[in-house]
């Protein structure tokens, strides 16, 4: 078994209104020193067998085309073995 984790975040140059809202709420709740908050999403895909070669390439293609919007988002994909 392998676990594939795909983290998707807005590109740095894209405004993040949800992150700004959370940043404001943190200040109102008494947490000081928060310089910035960015929100994102995470996909965890558990797969049978090894994730390498063509299968890994296919996962990268799916992350780029389905799980993220390449115009406004970046993604990071990592494989965690023995999930």
N, C-alpha and C. Protein backbone atom coordinates (compact mmCIF):
# COMPACT_ATOMS: atom_id res chain seq x y z
N UNK A 1 0.84 -1.18 0.00
CA UNK A 1 0.00 0.00 0.00
C UNK A 1 0.88 1.24 0.00
N UNK A 2 0.42 2.23 -0.68
CA UNK A 2 1.10 3.52 -0.69
C UNK A 2 0.06 4.61 -0.51
N UNK A 3 0.49 5.67 0.13
CA UNK A 3 -0.37 6.83 0.28
C UNK A 3 0.23 7.96 -0.55
N UNK A 4 -0.59 8.53 -1.42
CA UNK A 4 -0.17 9.67 -2.23
C UNK A 4 -0.85 10.90 -1.66
N UNK A 5 -0.06 11.90 -1.30
CA UNK A 5 -0.59 13.13 -0.72
C UNK A 5 -0.33 14.26 -1.70
N UNK A 6 -1.41 14.95 -2.07
CA UNK A 6 -1.31 16.09 -2.98
C UNK A 6 -1.78 17.33 -2.23
N UNK A 7 -0.86 18.25 -2.02
CA UNK A 7 -1.18 19.54 -1.39
C UNK A 7 -1.33 20.58 -2.48
N UNK A 8 -2.44 21.30 -2.47
CA UNK A 8 -2.73 22.32 -3.49
C UNK A 8 -2.86 23.67 -2.79
N UNK A 9 -2.11 24.64 -3.28
CA UNK A 9 -2.14 25.99 -2.70
C UNK A 9 -2.27 27.02 -3.82
N UNK A 10 -2.90 28.14 -3.50
CA UNK A 10 -2.94 29.24 -4.44
C UNK A 10 -1.52 29.73 -4.69
N UNK A 11 -1.25 30.14 -5.91
CA UNK A 11 0.06 30.72 -6.22
C UNK A 11 0.26 31.97 -5.38
N UNK A 12 1.51 32.29 -5.04
CA UNK A 12 1.77 33.44 -4.15
C UNK A 12 1.20 34.76 -4.65
N UNK A 13 1.13 34.94 -5.95
CA UNK A 13 0.64 36.21 -6.49
C UNK A 13 -0.89 36.31 -6.54
N UNK A 14 -1.58 35.23 -6.20
CA UNK A 14 -3.04 35.20 -6.21
C UNK A 14 -3.56 35.60 -4.83
N UNK A 15 -4.48 36.55 -4.79
CA UNK A 15 -5.08 36.96 -3.52
C UNK A 15 -5.82 35.80 -2.89
N UNK A 16 -5.79 35.73 -1.57
CA UNK A 16 -6.41 34.63 -0.84
C UNK A 16 -7.39 35.21 0.19
N UNK A 17 -8.63 35.52 -0.22
CA UNK A 17 -9.58 36.13 0.71
C UNK A 17 -9.90 35.25 1.91
N UNK A 18 -9.94 33.94 1.73
CA UNK A 18 -10.22 33.06 2.86
C UNK A 18 -9.06 33.10 3.86
N UNK A 19 -7.85 33.10 3.36
CA UNK A 19 -6.69 33.23 4.24
C UNK A 19 -6.70 34.54 4.99
N UNK A 20 -7.08 35.63 4.31
CA UNK A 20 -7.17 36.94 4.96
C UNK A 20 -8.22 36.93 6.07
N UNK A 21 -9.35 36.29 5.80
CA UNK A 21 -10.41 36.21 6.81
C UNK A 21 -9.93 35.45 8.04
N UNK A 22 -9.22 34.36 7.83
CA UNK A 22 -8.70 33.58 8.95
C UNK A 22 -7.65 34.40 9.70
N UNK A 23 -6.80 35.11 8.96
CA UNK A 23 -5.79 35.95 9.61
C UNK A 23 -6.45 36.99 10.52
N UNK A 24 -7.50 37.63 10.04
CA UNK A 24 -8.22 38.61 10.85
C UNK A 24 -8.85 37.97 12.08
N UNK A 25 -9.43 36.79 11.92
CA UNK A 25 -10.06 36.10 13.04
C UNK A 25 -9.03 35.70 14.09
N UNK A 26 -7.85 35.27 13.65
CA UNK A 26 -6.81 34.90 14.61
C UNK A 26 -6.43 36.09 15.48
N UNK A 27 -6.31 37.26 14.84
CA UNK A 27 -6.00 38.47 15.61
C UNK A 27 -7.09 38.81 16.60
N UNK A 28 -8.35 38.71 16.17
CA UNK A 28 -9.47 39.00 17.07
C UNK A 28 -9.55 38.01 18.23
N UNK A 29 -9.05 36.80 18.00
CA UNK A 29 -9.06 35.79 19.06
C UNK A 29 -7.82 35.85 19.95
N UNK A 30 -6.98 36.86 19.72
CA UNK A 30 -5.86 37.09 20.63
C UNK A 30 -4.51 36.55 20.19
N UNK A 31 -4.43 35.93 19.03
CA UNK A 31 -3.14 35.42 18.55
C UNK A 31 -2.40 36.56 17.86
N UNK A 32 -1.28 36.95 18.40
CA UNK A 32 -0.52 38.07 17.84
C UNK A 32 0.63 37.56 16.98
N UNK A 33 1.14 38.43 16.14
CA UNK A 33 2.32 38.12 15.35
C UNK A 33 2.06 37.31 14.09
N UNK A 34 0.81 37.18 13.68
CA UNK A 34 0.51 36.42 12.46
C UNK A 34 0.74 37.34 11.26
N UNK A 35 1.75 37.03 10.47
CA UNK A 35 2.11 37.86 9.32
C UNK A 35 1.25 37.55 8.10
N UNK A 36 0.86 36.29 7.92
CA UNK A 36 0.09 35.92 6.74
C UNK A 36 -0.54 34.56 6.97
N UNK A 37 -1.66 34.30 6.32
CA UNK A 37 -2.32 33.00 6.32
C UNK A 37 -2.71 32.69 4.89
N UNK A 38 -2.35 31.52 4.42
CA UNK A 38 -2.77 31.04 3.10
C UNK A 38 -3.53 29.74 3.32
N UNK A 39 -4.65 29.59 2.65
CA UNK A 39 -5.42 28.36 2.78
C UNK A 39 -5.19 27.50 1.54
N UNK A 40 -5.39 26.22 1.71
CA UNK A 40 -5.22 25.29 0.59
C UNK A 40 -6.11 24.08 0.79
N UNK A 41 -5.81 23.06 0.01
CA UNK A 41 -6.56 21.82 0.15
C UNK A 41 -5.59 20.66 0.00
N UNK A 42 -5.98 19.52 0.56
CA UNK A 42 -5.13 18.34 0.53
C UNK A 42 -5.96 17.14 0.09
N UNK A 43 -5.36 16.34 -0.80
CA UNK A 43 -5.98 15.10 -1.25
C UNK A 43 -5.08 13.96 -0.80
N UNK A 44 -5.66 12.94 -0.17
CA UNK A 44 -4.91 11.75 0.24
C UNK A 44 -5.50 10.57 -0.52
N UNK A 45 -4.66 9.95 -1.32
CA UNK A 45 -5.08 8.84 -2.18
C UNK A 45 -4.33 7.60 -1.73
N UNK A 46 -5.04 6.59 -1.26
CA UNK A 46 -4.42 5.34 -0.86
C UNK A 46 -4.50 4.36 -2.02
N UNK A 47 -3.35 3.79 -2.36
CA UNK A 47 -3.28 2.92 -3.54
C UNK A 47 -2.65 1.59 -3.19
N UNK A 48 -3.10 0.55 -3.86
CA UNK A 48 -2.46 -0.76 -3.75
C UNK A 48 -1.20 -0.76 -4.61
N UNK A 49 -0.18 -1.45 -4.13
CA UNK A 49 1.05 -1.61 -4.91
C UNK A 49 1.95 -0.39 -4.86
N UNK A 50 3.00 -0.46 -5.64
CA UNK A 50 3.98 0.61 -5.69
C UNK A 50 3.51 1.76 -6.57
N UNK A 51 4.00 2.94 -6.25
CA UNK A 51 3.71 4.13 -7.05
C UNK A 51 5.05 4.60 -7.61
N UNK A 52 5.30 4.26 -8.85
CA UNK A 52 6.55 4.64 -9.50
C UNK A 52 6.34 4.64 -11.00
N UNK A 53 7.31 5.18 -11.72
CA UNK A 53 7.30 5.14 -13.17
C UNK A 53 6.07 5.76 -13.80
N UNK A 54 5.44 5.00 -14.68
CA UNK A 54 4.27 5.49 -15.42
C UNK A 54 3.11 5.83 -14.49
N UNK A 55 2.95 5.07 -13.44
CA UNK A 55 1.86 5.32 -12.48
C UNK A 55 2.07 6.67 -11.77
N UNK A 56 3.30 6.97 -11.41
CA UNK A 56 3.61 8.25 -10.77
C UNK A 56 3.41 9.40 -11.76
N UNK A 57 3.81 9.20 -12.99
CA UNK A 57 3.58 10.22 -14.02
C UNK A 57 2.10 10.49 -14.20
N UNK A 58 1.29 9.42 -14.19
CA UNK A 58 -0.16 9.57 -14.33
C UNK A 58 -0.73 10.35 -13.15
N UNK A 59 -0.25 10.09 -11.95
CA UNK A 59 -0.72 10.83 -10.77
C UNK A 59 -0.36 12.31 -10.88
N UNK A 60 0.85 12.61 -11.35
CA UNK A 60 1.23 14.02 -11.54
C UNK A 60 0.33 14.69 -12.57
N UNK A 61 0.01 14.00 -13.65
CA UNK A 61 -0.88 14.57 -14.67
C UNK A 61 -2.26 14.83 -14.09
N UNK A 62 -2.78 13.89 -13.31
CA UNK A 62 -4.09 14.07 -12.70
C UNK A 62 -4.08 15.20 -11.68
N UNK A 63 -3.00 15.32 -10.91
CA UNK A 63 -2.90 16.41 -9.94
C UNK A 63 -2.87 17.75 -10.64
N UNK A 64 -2.18 17.82 -11.76
CA UNK A 64 -2.06 19.08 -12.50
C UNK A 64 -3.35 19.45 -13.23
N UNK A 65 -4.09 18.46 -13.69
CA UNK A 65 -5.26 18.73 -14.53
C UNK A 65 -6.60 18.63 -13.80
N UNK A 66 -6.68 17.79 -12.78
CA UNK A 66 -7.96 17.54 -12.11
C UNK A 66 -8.00 18.12 -10.70
N UNK A 67 -6.95 17.90 -9.93
CA UNK A 67 -6.96 18.29 -8.52
C UNK A 67 -6.59 19.75 -8.31
N UNK A 68 -5.92 20.35 -9.28
CA UNK A 68 -5.53 21.75 -9.15
C UNK A 68 -5.88 22.52 -10.41
N UNK A 69 -5.94 23.82 -10.28
CA UNK A 69 -6.14 24.71 -11.42
C UNK A 69 -4.79 25.35 -11.71
N UNK A 70 -4.10 24.92 -12.77
CA UNK A 70 -2.73 25.39 -13.01
C UNK A 70 -2.62 26.89 -13.26
N UNK A 71 -3.71 27.56 -13.53
CA UNK A 71 -3.67 29.00 -13.75
C UNK A 71 -3.44 29.73 -12.43
N UNK A 72 -4.07 29.24 -11.35
CA UNK A 72 -3.99 29.97 -10.08
C UNK A 72 -3.42 29.15 -8.92
N UNK A 73 -3.14 27.86 -9.14
CA UNK A 73 -2.69 27.01 -8.04
C UNK A 73 -1.42 26.24 -8.40
N UNK A 74 -0.64 25.94 -7.38
CA UNK A 74 0.49 25.02 -7.47
C UNK A 74 0.14 23.78 -6.66
N UNK A 75 0.76 22.68 -7.01
CA UNK A 75 0.57 21.47 -6.21
C UNK A 75 1.92 20.84 -5.90
N UNK A 76 1.94 20.11 -4.79
CA UNK A 76 3.09 19.30 -4.41
C UNK A 76 2.56 17.89 -4.16
N UNK A 77 3.19 16.91 -4.80
CA UNK A 77 2.77 15.52 -4.66
C UNK A 77 3.89 14.76 -3.97
N UNK A 78 3.53 13.97 -2.96
CA UNK A 78 4.51 13.12 -2.31
C UNK A 78 3.91 11.74 -2.08
N UNK A 79 4.76 10.74 -2.10
CA UNK A 79 4.34 9.36 -1.90
C UNK A 79 4.87 8.90 -0.55
N UNK A 80 3.98 8.40 0.27
CA UNK A 80 4.34 7.84 1.57
C UNK A 80 4.10 6.34 1.51
N UNK A 81 5.15 5.56 1.59
CA UNK A 81 5.04 4.10 1.48
C UNK A 81 4.45 3.51 2.76
N UNK A 82 3.92 2.31 2.62
CA UNK A 82 3.40 1.54 3.75
C UNK A 82 2.35 2.29 4.54
N UNK A 83 1.34 2.78 3.84
CA UNK A 83 0.25 3.52 4.49
C UNK A 83 -0.60 2.59 5.32
